[in-house]
C-alpha atoms as a PDB file:
ATOM      1  CA  MET A   1      20.452  21.440  21.162  1.00  0.00           C
ATOM      2  CA  PRO A   2      17.948  20.381  23.875  1.00  0.00           C
ATOM      3  CA  SER A   3      18.881  20.551  27.530  1.00  0.00           C
ATOM      4  CA  PRO A   4      20.057  17.295  29.199  1.00  0.00           C
ATOM      5  CA  LEU A   5      16.692  16.902  30.966  1.00  0.00           C
ATOM      6  CA  ARG A   6      14.759  17.569  27.746  1.00  0.00           C
ATOM      7  CA  PHE A   7      16.982  15.115  25.837  1.00  0.00           C
ATOM      8  CA  ALA A   8      16.410  12.414  28.485  1.00  0.00           C
ATOM      9  CA  ALA A   9      12.639  12.953  28.350  1.00  0.00           C
ATOM     10  CA  LEU A  10      12.641  12.632  24.554  1.00  0.00           C
ATOM     11  CA  CYS A  11      14.645   9.392  24.754  1.00  0.00           C
ATOM     12  CA  LEU A  12      12.247   7.954  27.334  1.00  0.00           C
ATOM     13  CA  ALA A  13       9.211   8.877  25.237  1.00  0.00           C
ATOM     14  CA  PHE A  14      10.748   7.249  22.159  1.00  0.00           C
ATOM     15  CA  THR A  15      11.544   4.087  24.140  1.00  0.00           C
ATOM     16  CA  LEU A  16       8.008   3.823  25.517  1.00  0.00           C
ATOM     17  CA  ARG A  17       6.532   4.268  22.047  1.00  0.00           C
ATOM     18  CA  SER A  18       8.824   1.535  20.775  1.00  0.00           C
ATOM     19  CA  LEU A  19       7.792  -1.044  23.368  1.00  0.00           C
ATOM     20  CA  PRO A  20       5.168  -3.548  22.191  1.00  0.00           C
ATOM     21  CA  SER A  21       1.745  -3.439  23.811  1.00  0.00           C
ATOM     22  CA  LEU A  22       0.528  -6.566  25.603  1.00  0.00           C
ATOM     23  CA  ALA A  23      -1.529  -7.567  22.602  1.00  0.00           C
ATOM     24  CA  GLN A  24       1.468  -7.063  20.287  1.00  0.00           C
ATOM     25  CA  ALA A  25       3.841  -9.111  22.447  1.00  0.00           C
ATOM     26  CA  THR A  26       5.941 -11.712  20.698  1.00  0.00           C
ATOM     27  CA  ASP A  27       6.627 -15.225  21.894  1.00  0.00           C
ATOM     28  CA  ALA A  28       9.947 -14.098  23.329  1.00  0.00           C
ATOM     29  CA  ASP A  29       8.848 -11.043  25.320  1.00  0.00           C
ATOM     30  CA  PHE A  30       5.444 -12.109  26.685  1.00  0.00           C
ATOM     31  CA  LYS A  31       5.497 -13.064  30.387  1.00  0.00           C
ATOM     32  CA  SER A  32       2.670 -15.239  31.666  1.00  0.00           C
ATOM     33  CA  GLU A  33       1.324 -14.945  35.200  1.00  0.00           C
ATOM     34  CA  LEU A  34      -0.112 -18.470  35.293  1.00  0.00           C
ATOM     35  CA  PHE A  35       2.425 -20.568  33.426  1.00  0.00           C
ATOM     36  CA  GLN A  36       6.165 -21.157  33.691  1.00  0.00           C
ATOM     37  CA  SER A  37       6.531 -21.602  29.935  1.00  0.00           C
ATOM     38  CA  LEU A  38       4.485 -21.057  26.794  1.00  0.00           C
ATOM     39  CA  LYS A  39       4.295 -23.042  23.574  1.00  0.00           C
ATOM     40  CA  PRO A  40       3.312 -20.946  20.522  1.00  0.00           C
ATOM     41  CA  ILE A  41       0.142 -22.210  18.837  1.00  0.00           C
ATOM     42  CA  TYR A  42      -0.992 -19.447  16.498  1.00  0.00           C
ATOM     43  CA  SER A  43      -0.301 -15.810  15.712  1.00  0.00           C
ATOM     44  CA  ASP A  44      -1.515 -13.406  13.050  1.00  0.00           C
ATOM     45  CA  THR A  45      -1.170  -9.700  12.373  1.00  0.00           C
ATOM     46  CA  PHE A  46      -3.494  -9.855   9.336  1.00  0.00           C
ATOM     47  CA  ASP A  47      -1.050  -7.949   7.172  1.00  0.00           C
ATOM     48  CA  SER A  48      -2.078  -9.781   4.021  1.00  0.00           C
ATOM     49  CA  GLY A  49      -3.703 -12.842   2.553  1.00  0.00           C
ATOM     50  CA  PRO A  50      -7.068 -14.525   3.092  1.00  0.00           C
ATOM     51  CA  LEU A  51      -8.494 -15.580   6.437  1.00  0.00           C
ATOM     52  CA  ASN A  52      -6.699 -18.629   7.852  1.00  0.00           C
ATOM     53  CA  THR A  53      -9.605 -21.090   8.007  1.00  0.00           C
ATOM     54  CA  GLU A  54      -7.440 -23.658   9.764  1.00  0.00           C
ATOM     55  CA  PHE A  55      -7.883 -21.509  12.885  1.00  0.00           C
ATOM     56  CA  TRP A  56     -10.979 -19.424  12.139  1.00  0.00           C
ATOM     57  CA  GLU A  57     -14.575 -20.455  11.471  1.00  0.00           C
ATOM     58  CA  VAL A  58     -17.110 -17.856  10.342  1.00  0.00           C
ATOM     59  CA  ARG A  59     -20.542 -18.425  11.868  1.00  0.00           C
ATOM     60  CA  GLN A  60     -24.137 -17.490  10.994  1.00  0.00           C
ATOM     61  CA  ASN A  61     -23.160 -16.458   7.468  1.00  0.00           C
ATOM     62  CA  THR A  62     -21.720 -13.212   8.813  1.00  0.00           C
ATOM     63  CA  THR A  63     -19.200 -11.299   6.728  1.00  0.00           C
ATOM     64  CA  TRP A  64     -15.510 -11.462   7.698  1.00  0.00           C
ATOM     65  CA  ALA A  65     -12.504 -10.293   5.714  1.00  0.00           C
ATOM     66  CA  VAL A  66      -8.865  -9.365   6.176  1.00  0.00           C
ATOM     67  CA  LYS A  67      -8.458  -5.784   5.002  1.00  0.00           C
ATOM     68  CA  ASP A  68      -6.187  -2.865   5.875  1.00  0.00           C
ATOM     69  CA  GLY A  69      -4.237  -5.118   8.250  1.00  0.00           C
ATOM     70  CA  VAL A  70      -7.257  -6.043  10.374  1.00  0.00           C
ATOM     71  CA  LEU A  71      -9.727  -8.943  10.552  1.00  0.00           C
ATOM     72  CA  THR A  72     -13.114  -7.215  10.314  1.00  0.00           C
ATOM     73  CA  GLY A  73     -16.568  -8.715  10.799  1.00  0.00           C
ATOM     74  CA  THR A  74     -20.012  -7.329   9.961  1.00  0.00           C
ATOM     75  CA  PRO A  75     -23.529  -8.856  10.042  1.00  0.00           C
ATOM     76  CA  SER A  76     -24.939 -11.276   7.487  1.00  0.00           C
ATOM     77  CA  SER A  77     -26.802 -10.109   4.401  1.00  0.00           C
ATOM     78  CA  LYS A  78     -30.415  -8.942   4.663  1.00  0.00           C
ATOM     79  CA  GLU A  79     -31.468 -11.880   2.476  1.00  0.00           C
ATOM     80  CA  PHE A  80     -29.925 -14.390   4.878  1.00  0.00           C
ATOM     81  CA  GLN A  81     -31.405 -12.607   7.888  1.00  0.00           C
ATOM     82  CA  ASP A  82     -34.910 -12.591   6.389  1.00  0.00           C
ATOM     83  CA  LYS A  83     -34.638 -16.280   5.509  1.00  0.00           C
ATOM     84  CA  LYS A  84     -33.469 -17.235   8.998  1.00  0.00           C
ATOM     85  CA  LYS A  85     -36.080 -15.087  10.730  1.00  0.00           C
ATOM     86  CA  ALA A  86     -38.781 -16.961   8.823  1.00  0.00           C
ATOM     87  CA  SER A  87     -37.284 -20.361   9.744  1.00  0.00           C
ATOM     88  CA  THR A  88     -37.335 -22.447  12.911  1.00  0.00           C
ATOM     89  CA  ASP A  89     -33.918 -21.013  13.848  1.00  0.00           C
ATOM     90  CA  PRO A  90     -34.354 -17.207  13.944  1.00  0.00           C
ATOM     91  CA  SER A  91     -31.790 -16.743  16.740  1.00  0.00           C
ATOM     92  CA  HIS A  92     -28.915 -17.530  14.338  1.00  0.00           C
ATOM     93  CA  ALA A  93     -29.785 -14.964  11.677  1.00  0.00           C
ATOM     94  CA  GLY A  94     -26.380 -13.296  11.761  1.00  0.00           C
ATOM     95  CA  LEU A  95     -27.624  -9.968  13.077  1.00  0.00           C
ATOM     96  CA  LYS A  96     -24.294  -9.633  14.881  1.00  0.00           C
ATOM     97  CA  PRO A  97     -20.832 -10.662  13.597  1.00  0.00           C
ATOM     98  CA  VAL A  98     -19.810 -14.069  15.001  1.00  0.00           C
ATOM     99  CA  ILE A  99     -16.549 -15.937  14.492  1.00  0.00           C
ATOM    100  CA  TRP A 100     -14.777 -18.809  16.251  1.00  0.00           C
ATOM    101  CA  LEU A 101     -11.050 -19.084  16.914  1.00  0.00           C
ATOM    102  CA  LYS A 102     -10.300 -22.813  16.878  1.00  0.00           C
ATOM    103  CA  LYS A 103      -7.542 -25.096  18.218  1.00  0.00           C
ATOM    104  CA  VAL A 104      -7.326 -23.207  21.522  1.00  0.00           C
ATOM    105  CA  PRO A 105      -5.514 -25.328  24.147  1.00  0.00           C
ATOM    106  CA  GLU A 106      -7.103 -26.393  27.441  1.00  0.00           C
ATOM    107  CA  ASN A 107      -4.506 -24.289  29.287  1.00  0.00           C
ATOM    108  CA  PHE A 108      -3.923 -21.154  27.244  1.00  0.00           C
ATOM    109  CA  VAL A 109      -2.856 -17.562  26.960  1.00  0.00           C
ATOM    110  CA  CYS A 110      -4.348 -15.319  24.284  1.00  0.00           C
ATOM    111  CA  SER A 111      -3.235 -11.745  23.635  1.00  0.00           C
ATOM    112  CA  MET A 112      -4.872  -9.553  20.994  1.00  0.00           C
ATOM    113  CA  ARG A 113      -6.159  -6.152  19.988  1.00  0.00           C
ATOM    114  CA  VAL A 114      -9.953  -6.058  19.703  1.00  0.00           C
ATOM    115  CA  ARG A 115     -12.566  -3.450  18.906  1.00  0.00           C
ATOM    116  CA  TYR A 116     -16.357  -3.772  19.068  1.00  0.00           C
ATOM    117  CA  ASP A 117     -18.252  -0.950  17.331  1.00  0.00           C
ATOM    118  CA  ALA A 118     -21.929  -0.215  18.059  1.00  0.00           C
ATOM    119  CA  THR A 119     -24.183   2.674  19.017  1.00  0.00           C
ATOM    120  CA  THR A 120     -24.807   1.098  22.444  1.00  0.00           C
ATOM    121  CA  TYR A 121     -24.316  -2.085  24.418  1.00  0.00           C
ATOM    122  CA  GLN A 122     -26.888  -4.843  23.984  1.00  0.00           C
ATOM    123  CA  LYS A 123     -28.104  -7.012  26.860  1.00  0.00           C
ATOM    124  CA  GLY A 124     -25.546  -9.824  27.032  1.00  0.00           C
ATOM    125  CA  PHE A 125     -23.317  -8.441  24.250  1.00  0.00           C
ATOM    126  CA  PRO A 126     -20.574  -7.963  23.147  1.00  0.00           C
ATOM    127  CA  ILE A 127     -18.805 -11.042  24.491  1.00  0.00           C
ATOM    128  CA  PHE A 128     -15.835 -13.352  24.401  1.00  0.00           C
ATOM    129  CA  ASP A 129     -16.860 -16.997  24.839  1.00  0.00           C
ATOM    130  CA  LEU A 130     -13.991 -19.132  26.155  1.00  0.00           C
ATOM    131  CA  GLY A 131     -15.283 -22.512  25.112  1.00  0.00           C
ATOM    132  CA  HIS A 132     -18.709 -22.515  23.485  1.00  0.00           C
ATOM    133  CA  HIS A 133     -21.095 -21.155  26.163  1.00  0.00           C
ATOM    134  CA  ILE A 134     -18.656 -22.312  28.870  1.00  0.00           C
ATOM    135  CA  HIS A 135     -16.942 -19.146  30.176  1.00  0.00           C
ATOM    136  CA  THR A 136     -18.733 -16.094  28.777  1.00  0.00           C
ATOM    137  CA  LEU A 137     -17.118 -12.698  29.346  1.00  0.00           C
ATOM    138  CA  THR A 138     -19.923 -10.180  28.844  1.00  0.00           C
ATOM    139  CA  PHE A 139     -19.252  -6.453  28.607  1.00  0.00           C
ATOM    140  CA  SER A 140     -21.483  -3.540  29.552  1.00  0.00           C
ATOM    141  CA  GLU A 141     -20.988   0.121  30.365  1.00  0.00           C
ATOM    142  CA  LYS A 142     -20.562  -0.464  34.110  1.00  0.00           C
ATOM    143  CA  ALA A 143     -19.445  -4.074  34.521  1.00  0.00           C
ATOM    144  CA  THR A 144     -17.630  -7.047  33.085  1.00  0.00           C
ATOM    145  CA  THR A 145     -19.282 -10.346  33.952  1.00  0.00           C
ATOM    146  CA  LEU A 146     -17.971 -13.885  33.770  1.00  0.00           C
ATOM    147  CA  VAL A 147     -20.917 -16.243  33.272  1.00  0.00           C
ATOM    148  CA  ILE A 148     -20.071 -19.935  33.534  1.00  0.00           C
ATOM    149  CA  LYS A 149     -22.117 -22.488  31.574  1.00  0.00           C
ATOM    150  CA  LYS A 150     -24.990 -20.002  31.107  1.00  0.00           C
ATOM    151  CA  ASN A 151     -26.416 -20.298  34.633  1.00  0.00           C
ATOM    152  CA  VAL A 152     -23.985 -22.227  36.843  1.00  0.00           C
ATOM    153  CA  GLU A 153     -22.207 -19.130  38.155  1.00  0.00           C
ATOM    154  CA  SER A 154     -22.156 -15.385  37.488  1.00  0.00           C
ATOM    155  CA  LEU A 155     -19.212 -13.227  38.600  1.00  0.00           C
ATOM    156  CA  PRO A 156     -19.667  -9.488  37.834  1.00  0.00           C
ATOM    157  CA  VAL A 157     -16.812  -7.026  38.436  1.00  0.00           C
ATOM    158  CA  GLY A 158     -16.471  -3.281  37.993  1.00  0.00           C
ATOM    159  CA  GLN A 159     -13.044  -3.509  36.332  1.00  0.00           C
ATOM    160  CA  PRO A 160     -11.667  -4.024  33.779  1.00  0.00           C
ATOM    161  CA  LEU A 161     -14.204  -2.503  31.401  1.00  0.00           C
ATOM    162  CA  PHE A 162     -14.369  -2.891  27.635  1.00  0.00           C
ATOM    163  CA  THR A 163     -15.474   0.340  25.976  1.00  0.00           C
ATOM    164  CA  LEU A 164     -17.271   0.330  22.644  1.00  0.00           C
ATOM    165  CA  ASN A 165     -15.863   2.057  19.555  1.00  0.00           C
ATOM    166  CA  GLN A 166     -12.214   1.971  20.546  1.00  0.00           C
ATOM    167  CA  TRP A 167      -9.300  -0.459  20.345  1.00  0.00           C
ATOM    168  CA  HIS A 168      -8.302  -2.421  23.439  1.00  0.00           C
ATOM    169  CA  ASP A 169      -5.305  -4.573  24.286  1.00  0.00           C
ATOM    170  CA  VAL A 170      -6.736  -7.791  25.726  1.00  0.00           C
ATOM    171  CA  VAL A 171      -4.924 -10.656  27.450  1.00  0.00           C
ATOM    172  CA  ILE A 172      -6.691 -13.781  28.678  1.00  0.00           C
ATOM    173  CA  GLU A 173      -4.946 -16.520  30.659  1.00  0.00           C
ATOM    174  CA  LEU A 174      -6.836 -19.635  31.713  1.00  0.00           C
ATOM    175  CA  LYS A 175      -6.116 -22.847  33.546  1.00  0.00           C
ATOM    176  CA  LYS A 176      -8.427 -25.027  35.605  1.00  0.00           C
ATOM    177  CA  GLY A 177      -9.818 -22.949  38.457  1.00  0.00           C
ATOM    178  CA  THR A 178      -8.303 -19.639  37.352  1.00  0.00           C
ATOM    179  CA  LEU A 179      -8.932 -17.014  34.673  1.00  0.00           C
ATOM    180  CA  ILE A 180      -7.002 -13.761  34.334  1.00  0.00           C
ATOM    181  CA  LEU A 181      -8.490 -10.985  32.193  1.00  0.00           C
ATOM    182  CA  LYS A 182      -6.464  -7.882  31.330  1.00  0.00           C
ATOM    183  CA  ILE A 183      -7.836  -4.972  29.324  1.00  0.00           C
ATOM    184  CA  ASP A 184      -5.349  -2.210  28.579  1.00  0.00           C
ATOM    185  CA  GLY A 185      -3.259  -3.386  31.536  1.00  0.00           C
ATOM    186  CA  THR A 186      -6.096  -3.388  34.083  1.00  0.00           C
ATOM    187  CA  LYS A 187      -6.440  -6.893  35.513  1.00  0.00           C
ATOM    188  CA  HIS A 188      -9.002  -9.042  37.286  1.00  0.00           C
ATOM    189  CA  LEU A 189      -8.403 -12.531  38.609  1.00  0.00           C
ATOM    190  CA  PHE A 190     -11.410 -14.850  38.483  1.00  0.00           C
ATOM    191  CA  GLU A 191     -11.184 -17.983  40.614  1.00  0.00           C
ATOM    192  CA  SER A 192     -13.788 -20.755  40.639  1.00  0.00           C
ATOM    193  CA  LYS A 193     -13.862 -24.546  40.682  1.00  0.00           C
ATOM    194  CA  ASN A 194     -16.144 -24.240  37.629  1.00  0.00           C
ATOM    195  CA  ILE A 195     -13.456 -22.671  35.423  1.00  0.00           C
ATOM    196  CA  ASP A 196     -12.390 -25.563  33.207  1.00  0.00           C
ATOM    197  CA  MET A 197     -11.694 -25.749  29.450  1.00  0.00           C
ATOM    198  CA  THR A 198     -11.624 -29.562  29.358  1.00  0.00           C
ATOM    199  CA  GLY A 199     -13.182 -30.699  26.085  1.00  0.00           C
ATOM    200  CA  GLN A 200     -13.280 -27.135  24.729  1.00  0.00           C
ATOM    201  CA  ALA A 201     -11.005 -25.753  22.016  1.00  0.00           C
ATOM    202  CA  GLN A 202     -12.276 -22.360  20.903  1.00  0.00           C
ATOM    203  CA  ILE A 203     -12.844 -18.694  21.634  1.00  0.00           C
ATOM    204  CA  ASP A 204     -16.034 -17.168  20.227  1.00  0.00           C
ATOM    205  CA  PHE A 205     -16.237 -13.475  19.311  1.00  0.00           C
ATOM    206  CA  LYS A 206     -19.767 -12.079  19.245  1.00  0.00           C
ATOM    207  CA  ALA A 207     -20.558  -8.415  18.673  1.00  0.00           C
ATOM    208  CA  VAL A 208     -23.740  -6.334  19.006  1.00  0.00           C
ATOM    209  CA  ASP A 209     -26.680  -6.534  16.581  1.00  0.00           C
ATOM    210  CA  GLY A 210     -25.875  -4.298  13.618  1.00  0.00           C
ATOM    211  CA  GLY A 211     -22.369  -3.632  14.916  1.00  0.00           C
ATOM    212  CA  SER A 212     -18.900  -4.742  13.877  1.00  0.00           C
ATOM    213  CA  CYS A 213     -15.883  -6.507  15.339  1.00  0.00           C
ATOM    214  CA  GLN A 214     -12.215  -5.899  14.520  1.00  0.00           C
ATOM    215  CA  ILE A 215      -9.342  -8.157  15.585  1.00  0.00           C
ATOM    216  CA  ASP A 216      -5.609  -7.634  15.155  1.00  0.00           C
ATOM    217  CA  SER A 217      -2.218  -8.811  16.473  1.00  0.00           C
ATOM    218  CA  ILE A 218      -3.500 -12.046  17.981  1.00  0.00           C
ATOM    219  CA  HIS A 219      -1.257 -14.610  19.671  1.00  0.00           C
ATOM    220  CA  VAL A 220      -2.255 -17.926  21.254  1.00  0.00           C
ATOM    221  CA  TRP A 221       0.031 -20.016  23.436  1.00  0.00           C
ATOM    222  CA  GLU A 222      -0.388 -23.297  25.284  1.00  0.00           C
ATOM    223  CA  GLY A 223       0.469 -22.834  28.952  1.00  0.00           C
ATOM    224  CA  GLN A 224       2.903 -25.316  30.452  1.00  0.00           C
END
């Protein structure tokens, strides 16, 4: 029989293990920092079935599949890459996995588990694009940078960082003028008059050339 202190420690450890991570939060237990209420839009744990193409759009002929409870993306085939490289559009050869999450509200919260695998970071990649080329969150070894509309504004910060080759719990909250990014509980608040999802309705996932992307336990809410 363990001592009272030992028993209490075991109970606490079990409770902490039982609590959902931010990216695994349900509609009922997620608490937004920007919005008073949240309307569920989409959620998926990728436990089974094909990719839900109502919400996802595979780009650049890259390879995406739901397997082992995870949405996994890898580059396009060598044949497609060679064909594109010889065309007038070589920049979309599918060297890196690319996929779009559609129907994202103008004011939104997105929580998810994400992993980008690669031997090293690439200049400008991996990224999350909130709106197509509108709010680009770019990750490197020493900084996370929010680039707005390619060249309108660049906001680099030292934290939070997104490390390659490991899973991260990611939460993104956005409304006009404000963007909150959390990675494994570490938060940064971006504020700019240029933050605005008006006319946008997607999040783009783009990995590193030759690398892979894995997504799991994703939830999207409309902020109200």
